[in-house]
Amino acid sequence: LRDETPGDIRALIPRAKLFLIVRQPVERAFSQWKMARRLGNVPADLPFIEVFRQNLQFMQERGKYANCVKRYARVFRLGEQFRVFFYDDLCADPRTFLRELFRFIDVNPEWQPPHLQQRVGANAETTGMSANDEREVLDFYLPRIEALERELGRGLPDWKKPRVAAAGD
């Protein structure tokens, strides 16, 4: 994104309400790799960690949320015109998540889509991430997660913990 994009949006739509849904960046990168393989955007035989290291499909960049939050929060007041939502909240309780989102964007919070519980675009691939790959990617993202915590004024302790069990655990 261009640094001017938030200002351009503000100039065109001064009262716009914008939101960003963020996902734990290691999980997001792994999900992106699986989707990119399925779509043929990366070679099917290229391992996750190699795609990540090479930053193919801008895989590393897409998890640098603090940069985006900072850029938009300079132009749109965080919490009022710009809000960050969490993918984990969407997965845990879609109804409550949508109610909050709809309130934020001034849509009837009681409206519910007819297929709220239906999963769309789910990847059936069962390939898992290795503990070593997770550690490397998490180490890359740790300073960026901490930057996001500072931007939001909110701790994200679960984002900083490995989620894949090491071999033998």
N, C-alpha and C. Protein backbone atom coordinates (compact mmCIF):
# COMPACT_ATOMS: atom_id res chain seq x y z
N LEU A 1 0.83 -1.20 0.00
CA LEU A 1 0.00 0.00 0.00
C LEU A 1 0.86 1.25 0.00
N ARG A 2 0.36 2.22 -0.66
CA ARG A 2 1.04 3.52 -0.64
C ARG A 2 0.77 4.20 0.70
N ASP A 3 1.73 4.95 1.20
CA ASP A 3 1.53 5.67 2.45
C ASP A 3 0.40 6.69 2.36
N GLU A 4 0.10 7.14 1.16
CA GLU A 4 -0.94 8.16 0.97
C GLU A 4 -2.35 7.57 0.96
N THR A 5 -2.48 6.26 0.87
CA THR A 5 -3.79 5.64 0.73
C THR A 5 -4.78 6.05 1.82
N PRO A 6 -4.42 6.00 3.10
CA PRO A 6 -5.40 6.42 4.11
C PRO A 6 -5.88 7.87 3.91
N GLY A 7 -4.97 8.75 3.58
CA GLY A 7 -5.35 10.14 3.33
C GLY A 7 -6.24 10.28 2.11
N ASP A 8 -5.96 9.49 1.08
CA ASP A 8 -6.80 9.50 -0.12
C ASP A 8 -8.22 9.05 0.21
N ILE A 9 -8.32 8.00 1.03
CA ILE A 9 -9.64 7.51 1.44
C ILE A 9 -10.36 8.60 2.23
N ARG A 10 -9.65 9.21 3.16
CA ARG A 10 -10.24 10.28 4.00
C ARG A 10 -10.73 11.43 3.14
N ALA A 11 -9.97 11.79 2.13
CA ALA A 11 -10.36 12.91 1.25
C ALA A 11 -11.64 12.57 0.48
N LEU A 12 -11.78 11.33 0.05
CA LEU A 12 -12.96 10.92 -0.71
C LEU A 12 -14.16 10.62 0.18
N ILE A 13 -13.91 10.01 1.34
CA ILE A 13 -15.00 9.59 2.23
C ILE A 13 -14.60 9.96 3.66
N PRO A 14 -14.76 11.21 4.04
CA PRO A 14 -14.28 11.68 5.35
C PRO A 14 -14.86 10.93 6.55
N ARG A 15 -16.07 10.43 6.43
CA ARG A 15 -16.70 9.76 7.57
C ARG A 15 -16.62 8.23 7.46
N ALA A 16 -15.76 7.75 6.60
CA ALA A 16 -15.61 6.30 6.41
C ALA A 16 -15.27 5.63 7.73
N LYS A 17 -15.75 4.41 7.87
CA LYS A 17 -15.37 3.57 8.99
C LYS A 17 -14.65 2.37 8.40
N LEU A 18 -13.44 2.16 8.86
CA LEU A 18 -12.59 1.11 8.33
C LEU A 18 -12.26 0.11 9.42
N PHE A 19 -12.08 -1.12 9.02
CA PHE A 19 -11.68 -2.13 9.99
C PHE A 19 -10.68 -3.07 9.36
N LEU A 20 -9.92 -3.69 10.23
CA LEU A 20 -8.91 -4.65 9.85
C LEU A 20 -9.11 -5.88 10.72
N ILE A 21 -9.16 -7.04 10.11
CA ILE A 21 -9.25 -8.29 10.86
C ILE A 21 -7.88 -8.94 10.81
N VAL A 22 -7.29 -9.15 11.98
CA VAL A 22 -5.94 -9.70 12.06
C VAL A 22 -5.99 -11.12 12.62
N ARG A 23 -5.06 -11.91 12.15
CA ARG A 23 -4.93 -13.31 12.57
C ARG A 23 -3.52 -13.53 13.07
N GLN A 24 -3.35 -14.43 14.02
CA GLN A 24 -2.02 -14.74 14.52
C GLN A 24 -1.12 -14.92 13.29
N PRO A 25 -0.04 -14.16 13.17
CA PRO A 25 0.70 -14.09 11.90
C PRO A 25 1.34 -15.41 11.44
N VAL A 26 1.74 -16.27 12.35
CA VAL A 26 2.33 -17.55 11.93
C VAL A 26 1.24 -18.41 11.30
N GLU A 27 0.09 -18.47 11.94
CA GLU A 27 -1.03 -19.24 11.39
C GLU A 27 -1.49 -18.64 10.07
N ARG A 28 -1.50 -17.30 9.99
CA ARG A 28 -1.91 -16.64 8.76
C ARG A 28 -0.97 -17.00 7.62
N ALA A 29 0.33 -16.99 7.89
CA ALA A 29 1.32 -17.31 6.85
C ALA A 29 1.16 -18.76 6.39
N PHE A 30 0.97 -19.66 7.33
CA PHE A 30 0.82 -21.07 6.97
C PHE A 30 -0.45 -21.28 6.14
N SER A 31 -1.52 -20.63 6.52
CA SER A 31 -2.77 -20.71 5.77
C SER A 31 -2.59 -20.14 4.36
N GLN A 32 -1.85 -19.04 4.27
CA GLN A 32 -1.59 -18.44 2.96
C GLN A 32 -0.80 -19.40 2.08
N TRP A 33 0.19 -20.08 2.66
CA TRP A 33 0.98 -21.05 1.90
C TRP A 33 0.10 -22.16 1.36
N LYS A 34 -0.79 -22.69 2.19
CA LYS A 34 -1.68 -23.76 1.73
C LYS A 34 -2.59 -23.26 0.60
N MET A 35 -3.11 -22.06 0.74
CA MET A 35 -3.98 -21.52 -0.30
C MET A 35 -3.18 -21.27 -1.59
N ALA A 36 -1.98 -20.71 -1.46
CA ALA A 36 -1.15 -20.42 -2.63
C ALA A 36 -0.80 -21.71 -3.37
N ARG A 37 -0.55 -22.78 -2.65
CA ARG A 37 -0.29 -24.09 -3.29
C ARG A 37 -1.53 -24.57 -4.02
N ARG A 38 -2.68 -24.48 -3.35
CA ARG A 38 -3.93 -24.96 -3.95
C ARG A 38 -4.25 -24.19 -5.23
N LEU A 39 -3.96 -22.88 -5.23
CA LEU A 39 -4.26 -22.05 -6.40
C LEU A 39 -3.16 -22.09 -7.46
N GLY A 40 -2.05 -22.73 -7.15
CA GLY A 40 -0.94 -22.80 -8.09
C GLY A 40 -0.08 -21.55 -8.12
N ASN A 41 -0.16 -20.72 -7.09
CA ASN A 41 0.64 -19.48 -7.03
C ASN A 41 2.06 -19.72 -6.55
N VAL A 42 2.29 -20.86 -5.92
CA VAL A 42 3.64 -21.28 -5.55
C VAL A 42 3.75 -22.76 -5.92
N PRO A 43 4.95 -23.24 -6.22
CA PRO A 43 5.09 -24.66 -6.57
C PRO A 43 4.61 -25.55 -5.42
N ALA A 44 3.86 -26.55 -5.75
CA ALA A 44 3.27 -27.46 -4.76
C ALA A 44 4.33 -28.18 -3.94
N ASP A 45 5.52 -28.35 -4.51
CA ASP A 45 6.57 -29.08 -3.78
C ASP A 45 7.50 -28.16 -2.99
N LEU A 46 7.25 -26.86 -3.01
CA LEU A 46 8.10 -25.92 -2.28
C LEU A 46 7.62 -25.84 -0.83
N PRO A 47 8.47 -26.24 0.12
CA PRO A 47 8.05 -26.28 1.53
C PRO A 47 7.67 -24.89 2.06
N PHE A 48 6.79 -24.92 3.04
CA PHE A 48 6.31 -23.69 3.67
C PHE A 48 7.45 -22.75 4.06
N ILE A 49 8.45 -23.28 4.76
CA ILE A 49 9.50 -22.40 5.28
C ILE A 49 10.28 -21.74 4.15
N GLU A 50 10.44 -22.42 3.01
CA GLU A 50 11.14 -21.81 1.87
C GLU A 50 10.30 -20.69 1.26
N VAL A 51 9.01 -20.91 1.15
CA VAL A 51 8.12 -19.86 0.63
C VAL A 51 8.19 -18.66 1.56
N PHE A 52 8.17 -18.92 2.87
CA PHE A 52 8.24 -17.82 3.84
C PHE A 52 9.58 -17.09 3.75
N ARG A 53 10.67 -17.83 3.74
CA ARG A 53 12.01 -17.21 3.68
C ARG A 53 12.18 -16.35 2.43
N GLN A 54 11.61 -16.83 1.32
CA GLN A 54 11.72 -16.09 0.06
C GLN A 54 10.69 -14.96 -0.05
N ASN A 55 9.80 -14.89 0.93
CA ASN A 55 8.74 -13.88 0.95
C ASN A 55 7.89 -13.93 -0.32
N LEU A 56 7.68 -15.15 -0.83
CA LEU A 56 6.84 -15.30 -2.01
C LEU A 56 5.42 -14.90 -1.64
N GLN A 57 4.71 -14.34 -2.60
CA GLN A 57 3.33 -13.88 -2.37
C GLN A 57 3.28 -12.85 -1.22
N PHE A 58 4.39 -12.16 -0.97
CA PHE A 58 4.48 -11.17 0.11
C PHE A 58 4.09 -11.77 1.46
N MET A 59 4.43 -13.03 1.65
CA MET A 59 4.00 -13.76 2.84
C MET A 59 4.45 -13.08 4.13
N GLN A 60 5.68 -12.62 4.19
CA GLN A 60 6.16 -11.96 5.40
C GLN A 60 5.44 -10.63 5.63
N GLU A 61 5.28 -9.87 4.56
CA GLU A 61 4.71 -8.53 4.67
C GLU A 61 3.28 -8.55 5.20
N ARG A 62 2.52 -9.55 4.80
CA ARG A 62 1.10 -9.58 5.14
C ARG A 62 0.86 -9.79 6.63
N GLY A 63 1.87 -10.18 7.37
CA GLY A 63 1.72 -10.35 8.81
C GLY A 63 2.27 -9.18 9.61
N LYS A 64 2.71 -8.13 8.93
CA LYS A 64 3.25 -6.94 9.62
C LYS A 64 2.11 -5.95 9.87
N TYR A 65 1.22 -6.33 10.77
CA TYR A 65 0.01 -5.56 11.01
C TYR A 65 0.26 -4.18 11.60
N ALA A 66 1.26 -4.05 12.44
CA ALA A 66 1.51 -2.77 13.12
C ALA A 66 1.74 -1.65 12.11
N ASN A 67 2.42 -1.95 11.01
CA ASN A 67 2.66 -0.93 9.99
C ASN A 67 1.34 -0.41 9.44
N CYS A 68 0.43 -1.31 9.15
CA CYS A 68 -0.88 -0.93 8.61
C CYS A 68 -1.68 -0.14 9.64
N VAL A 69 -1.71 -0.64 10.87
CA VAL A 69 -2.47 0.04 11.93
C VAL A 69 -1.92 1.46 12.12
N LYS A 70 -0.63 1.59 12.18
CA LYS A 70 -0.01 2.91 12.39
C LYS A 70 -0.38 3.86 11.25
N ARG A 71 -0.29 3.38 10.04
CA ARG A 71 -0.58 4.21 8.86
C ARG A 71 -2.03 4.70 8.88
N TYR A 72 -2.97 3.82 9.18
CA TYR A 72 -4.38 4.20 9.16
C TYR A 72 -4.79 4.98 10.42
N ALA A 73 -4.19 4.65 11.56
CA ALA A 73 -4.53 5.35 12.80
C ALA A 73 -4.05 6.80 12.79
N ARG A 74 -3.09 7.12 11.95
CA ARG A 74 -2.66 8.52 11.80
C ARG A 74 -3.77 9.37 11.19
N VAL A 75 -4.61 8.75 10.37
CA VAL A 75 -5.63 9.48 9.61
C VAL A 75 -7.03 9.25 10.17
N PHE A 76 -7.30 8.03 10.61
CA PHE A 76 -8.62 7.66 11.14
C PHE A 76 -8.45 7.29 12.61
N ARG A 77 -9.18 7.96 13.48
CA ARG A 77 -9.04 7.74 14.92
C ARG A 77 -9.34 6.28 15.28
N LEU A 78 -8.33 5.64 15.89
CA LEU A 78 -8.43 4.24 16.27
C LEU A 78 -9.55 4.06 17.28
N GLY A 79 -10.42 3.13 17.00
CA GLY A 79 -11.55 2.86 17.87
C GLY A 79 -12.81 3.60 17.48
N GLU A 80 -12.66 4.71 16.78
CA GLU A 80 -13.82 5.49 16.35
C GLU A 80 -14.11 5.35 14.87
N GLN A 81 -13.10 5.60 14.04
CA GLN A 81 -13.28 5.45 12.60
C GLN A 81 -12.50 4.28 12.04
N PHE A 82 -11.60 3.76 12.82
CA PHE A 82 -10.77 2.63 12.40
C PHE A 82 -10.67 1.67 13.58
N ARG A 83 -10.95 0.42 13.33
CA ARG A 83 -10.93 -0.56 14.42
C ARG A 83 -10.28 -1.86 13.95
N VAL A 84 -9.61 -2.49 14.89
CA VAL A 84 -8.96 -3.77 14.63
C VAL A 84 -9.78 -4.86 15.31
N PHE A 85 -10.13 -5.88 14.54
CA PHE A 85 -10.84 -7.04 15.04
C PHE A 85 -9.92 -8.25 14.92
N PHE A 86 -10.26 -9.31 15.65
CA PHE A 86 -9.39 -10.49 15.70
C PHE A 86 -10.09 -11.72 15.12
N TYR A 87 -9.38 -12.38 14.24
CA TYR A 87 -9.87 -13.59 13.58
C TYR A 87 -10.26 -14.66 14.60
N ASP A 88 -9.50 -14.79 15.68
CA ASP A 88 -9.82 -15.77 16.71
C ASP A 88 -11.21 -15.52 17.30
N ASP A 89 -11.57 -14.24 17.45
CA ASP A 89 -12.89 -13.90 17.96
C ASP A 89 -13.98 -14.31 16.97
N LEU A 90 -13.70 -14.13 15.69
CA LEU A 90 -14.64 -14.55 14.66
C LEU A 90 -14.86 -16.06 14.71
N CYS A 91 -13.79 -16.81 14.83
CA CYS A 91 -13.90 -18.28 14.89
C CYS A 91 -14.60 -18.74 16.17
N ALA A 92 -14.31 -18.10 17.28
CA ALA A 92 -14.86 -18.52 18.56
C ALA A 92 -16.36 -18.25 18.67
N ASP A 93 -16.79 -17.10 18.17
CA ASP A 93 -18.20 -16.72 18.32
C ASP A 93 -18.60 -15.79 17.18
N PRO A 94 -18.91 -16.36 16.01
CA PRO A 94 -19.22 -15.53 14.83
C PRO A 94 -20.38 -14.56 15.06
N ARG A 95 -21.38 -14.97 15.79
CA ARG A 95 -22.55 -14.11 16.01
C ARG A 95 -22.16 -12.84 16.79
N THR A 96 -21.42 -13.01 17.87
CA THR A 96 -20.98 -11.86 18.67
C THR A 96 -20.00 -11.00 17.87
N PHE A 97 -19.11 -11.65 17.15
CA PHE A 97 -18.14 -10.92 16.33
C PHE A 97 -18.87 -10.00 15.34
N LEU A 98 -19.83 -10.56 14.62
CA LEU A 98 -20.57 -9.76 13.63
C LEU A 98 -21.38 -8.66 14.30
N ARG A 99 -21.96 -8.96 15.44
CA ARG A 99 -22.73 -7.93 16.16
C ARG A 99 -21.83 -6.73 16.47
N GLU A 100 -20.61 -7.00 16.96
CA GLU A 100 -19.66 -5.92 17.25
C GLU A 100 -19.26 -5.16 15.99
N LEU A 101 -18.96 -5.92 14.95
CA LEU A 101 -18.56 -5.31 13.68
C LEU A 101 -19.69 -4.45 13.13
N PHE A 102 -20.90 -4.98 13.11
CA PHE A 102 -22.04 -4.24 12.58
C PHE A 102 -22.30 -2.97 13.39
N ARG A 103 -22.18 -3.06 14.72
CA ARG A 103 -22.34 -1.84 15.55
C ARG A 103 -21.31 -0.80 15.13
N PHE A 104 -20.09 -1.25 14.94
CA PHE A 104 -19.02 -0.32 14.58
C PHE A 104 -19.31 0.38 13.26
N ILE A 105 -19.80 -0.35 12.27
CA ILE A 105 -20.04 0.27 10.96
C ILE A 105 -21.47 0.79 10.79
N ASP A 106 -22.20 0.87 11.91
CA ASP A 106 -23.56 1.42 11.92
C ASP A 106 -24.53 0.63 11.05
N VAL A 107 -24.45 -0.68 11.16
CA VAL A 107 -25.39 -1.59 10.51
C VAL A 107 -26.19 -2.24 11.63
N ASN A 108 -27.43 -2.59 11.37
CA ASN A 108 -28.26 -3.22 12.38
C ASN A 108 -27.51 -4.42 12.98
N PRO A 109 -27.14 -4.35 14.26
CA PRO A 109 -26.34 -5.42 14.85
C PRO A 109 -27.12 -6.72 15.06
N GLU A 110 -28.43 -6.66 14.93
CA GLU A 110 -29.23 -7.88 15.12
C GLU A 110 -29.36 -8.70 13.84
N TRP A 111 -29.02 -8.10 12.69
CA TRP A 111 -29.11 -8.84 11.44
C TRP A 111 -28.05 -9.94 11.44
N GLN A 112 -28.45 -11.11 11.00
CA GLN A 112 -27.51 -12.22 10.91
C GLN A 112 -27.61 -12.84 9.51
N PRO A 113 -26.48 -13.08 8.88
CA PRO A 113 -26.52 -13.74 7.58
C PRO A 113 -27.11 -15.13 7.72
N PRO A 114 -27.83 -15.59 6.71
CA PRO A 114 -28.50 -16.89 6.81
C PRO A 114 -27.55 -18.08 6.94
N HIS A 115 -26.34 -17.94 6.50
CA HIS A 115 -25.39 -19.06 6.52
C HIS A 115 -24.21 -18.75 7.44
N LEU A 116 -24.51 -18.16 8.57
CA LEU A 116 -23.47 -17.69 9.49
C LEU A 116 -22.49 -18.79 9.90
N GLN A 117 -22.97 -19.97 10.14
CA GLN A 117 -22.11 -21.06 10.63
C GLN A 117 -21.45 -21.84 9.49
N GLN A 118 -21.81 -21.55 8.24
CA GLN A 118 -21.24 -22.28 7.11
C GLN A 118 -19.83 -21.79 6.82
N ARG A 119 -18.92 -22.70 6.72
CA ARG A 119 -17.54 -22.35 6.42
C ARG A 119 -17.36 -22.26 4.91
N VAL A 120 -16.80 -21.16 4.45
CA VAL A 120 -16.61 -20.93 3.02
C VAL A 120 -15.12 -20.93 2.72
N GLY A 121 -14.72 -21.61 1.67
CA GLY A 121 -13.32 -21.60 1.25
C GLY A 121 -12.39 -22.36 2.17
N ALA A 122 -12.91 -23.25 2.98
CA ALA A 122 -12.06 -24.01 3.89
C ALA A 122 -11.13 -24.92 3.09
N ASN A 123 -9.91 -25.01 3.53
CA ASN A 123 -8.92 -25.84 2.87
C ASN A 123 -8.92 -27.22 3.53
N ALA A 124 -9.13 -28.23 2.74
CA ALA A 124 -9.20 -29.60 3.27
C ALA A 124 -7.81 -30.20 3.51
N GLU A 125 -6.76 -29.51 3.09
CA GLU A 125 -5.40 -30.04 3.25
C GLU A 125 -5.08 -30.22 4.73
N THR A 126 -4.49 -31.33 5.05
CA THR A 126 -4.20 -31.63 6.45
C THR A 126 -2.72 -31.48 6.80
N THR A 127 -1.91 -31.03 5.87
CA THR A 127 -0.49 -30.83 6.12
C THR A 127 -0.33 -29.91 7.32
N GLY A 128 0.52 -30.31 8.24
CA GLY A 128 0.77 -29.49 9.42
C GLY A 128 2.11 -28.78 9.33
N MET A 129 2.28 -27.82 10.18
CA MET A 129 3.52 -27.06 10.24
C MET A 129 4.46 -27.75 11.24
N SER A 130 5.72 -27.81 10.94
CA SER A 130 6.67 -28.40 11.88
C SER A 130 6.96 -27.40 13.00
N ALA A 131 7.35 -27.92 14.14
CA ALA A 131 7.69 -27.07 15.28
C ALA A 131 8.88 -26.17 14.95
N ASN A 132 9.84 -26.69 14.18
CA ASN A 132 11.01 -25.88 13.80
C ASN A 132 10.61 -24.72 12.89
N ASP A 133 9.73 -25.00 11.93
CA ASP A 133 9.27 -23.94 11.04
C ASP A 133 8.50 -22.89 11.84
N GLU A 134 7.64 -23.37 12.73
CA GLU A 134 6.86 -22.42 13.53
C GLU A 134 7.78 -21.53 14.35
N ARG A 135 8.81 -22.11 14.95
CA ARG A 135 9.74 -21.33 15.79
C ARG A 135 10.43 -20.24 14.95
N GLU A 136 10.89 -20.62 13.76
CA GLU A 136 11.58 -19.64 12.91
C GLU A 136 10.64 -18.49 12.51
N VAL A 137 9.44 -18.84 12.12
CA VAL A 137 8.48 -17.82 11.69
C VAL A 137 8.03 -16.98 12.89
N LEU A 138 7.81 -17.62 14.02
CA LEU A 138 7.43 -16.88 15.22
C LEU A 138 8.55 -15.93 15.64
N ASP A 139 9.80 -16.38 15.57
CA ASP A 139 10.92 -15.49 15.89
C ASP A 139 10.94 -14.27 14.96
N PHE A 140 10.61 -14.48 13.70
CA PHE A 140 10.53 -13.35 12.75
C PHE A 140 9.44 -12.37 13.18
N TYR A 141 8.30 -12.91 13.59
CA TYR A 141 7.15 -12.05 13.88
C TYR A 141 7.13 -11.47 15.29
N LEU A 142 7.89 -12.03 16.24
CA LEU A 142 7.80 -11.54 17.62
C LEU A 142 7.96 -10.03 17.75
N PRO A 143 8.98 -9.41 17.15
CA PRO A 143 9.08 -7.95 17.30
C PRO A 143 7.91 -7.22 16.64
N ARG A 144 7.35 -7.82 15.62
CA ARG A 144 6.21 -7.20 14.93
C ARG A 144 4.92 -7.35 15.74
N ILE A 145 4.79 -8.47 16.45
CA ILE A 145 3.66 -8.65 17.35
C ILE A 145 3.76 -7.63 18.48
N GLU A 146 4.96 -7.44 19.01
CA GLU A 146 5.16 -6.47 20.08
C GLU A 146 4.86 -5.06 19.60
N ALA A 147 5.20 -4.75 18.37
CA ALA A 147 4.87 -3.43 17.80
C ALA A 147 3.36 -3.27 17.69
N LEU A 148 2.65 -4.33 17.30
CA LEU A 148 1.20 -4.26 17.23
C LEU A 148 0.60 -4.07 18.62
N GLU A 149 1.14 -4.75 19.61
CA GLU A 149 0.66 -4.57 20.98
C GLU A 149 0.78 -3.10 21.40
N ARG A 150 1.90 -2.48 21.05
CA ARG A 150 2.08 -1.06 21.39
C ARG A 150 1.08 -0.18 20.66
N GLU A 151 0.85 -0.47 19.39
CA GLU A 151 -0.10 0.33 18.61
C GLU A 151 -1.52 0.22 19.18
N LEU A 152 -1.90 -0.98 19.59
CA LEU A 152 -3.26 -1.22 20.06
C LEU A 152 -3.43 -0.98 21.56
N GLY A 153 -2.32 -0.92 22.28
CA GLY A 153 -2.42 -0.80 23.73
C GLY A 153 -3.05 -2.04 24.34
N ARG A 154 -2.76 -3.18 23.76
CA ARG A 154 -3.36 -4.45 24.17
C ARG A 154 -2.32 -5.55 24.03
N GLY A 155 -2.19 -6.38 25.04
CA GLY A 155 -1.28 -7.50 24.96
C GLY A 155 -1.85 -8.62 24.11
N LEU A 156 -0.97 -9.33 23.44
CA LEU A 156 -1.35 -10.48 22.62
C LEU A 156 -0.50 -11.68 23.02
N PRO A 157 -0.58 -12.09 24.29
CA PRO A 157 0.32 -13.15 24.78
C PRO A 157 0.16 -14.47 24.05
N ASP A 158 -1.04 -14.83 23.64
CA ASP A 158 -1.23 -16.10 22.93
C ASP A 158 -0.57 -16.11 21.56
N TRP A 159 -0.37 -14.94 20.98
CA TRP A 159 0.27 -14.85 19.68
C TRP A 159 1.77 -15.12 19.78
N LYS A 160 2.32 -14.99 20.97
CA LYS A 160 3.77 -15.12 21.15
C LYS A 160 4.19 -16.52 21.60
N LYS A 161 3.23 -17.42 21.72
CA LYS A 161 3.51 -18.78 22.17
C LYS A 161 3.45 -19.74 20.98
N PRO A 162 4.40 -20.68 20.95
CA PRO A 162 4.29 -21.74 19.92
C PRO A 162 3.00 -22.52 20.13
N ARG A 163 2.40 -22.95 19.01
CA ARG A 163 1.16 -23.73 19.10
C ARG A 163 1.35 -25.16 18.60
N VAL A 164 2.47 -25.42 17.93
CA VAL A 164 2.76 -26.75 17.42
C VAL A 164 3.65 -27.45 18.45
N ALA A 165 3.30 -28.66 18.81
CA ALA A 165 4.11 -29.43 19.75
C ALA A 165 5.38 -29.91 19.06
N ALA A 166 6.49 -29.77 19.74
CA ALA A 166 7.76 -30.27 19.19
C ALA A 166 7.74 -31.79 19.17
N ALA A 167 8.51 -32.35 18.27
CA ALA A 167 8.57 -33.82 18.16
C ALA A 167 8.98 -34.41 19.50
N GLY A 168 8.27 -35.45 19.91
CA GLY A 168 8.57 -36.11 21.16
C GLY A 168 7.81 -35.54 22.34
N ASP A 169 7.09 -34.44 22.14
CA ASP A 169 6.30 -33.86 23.24
C ASP A 169 4.99 -34.57 23.43
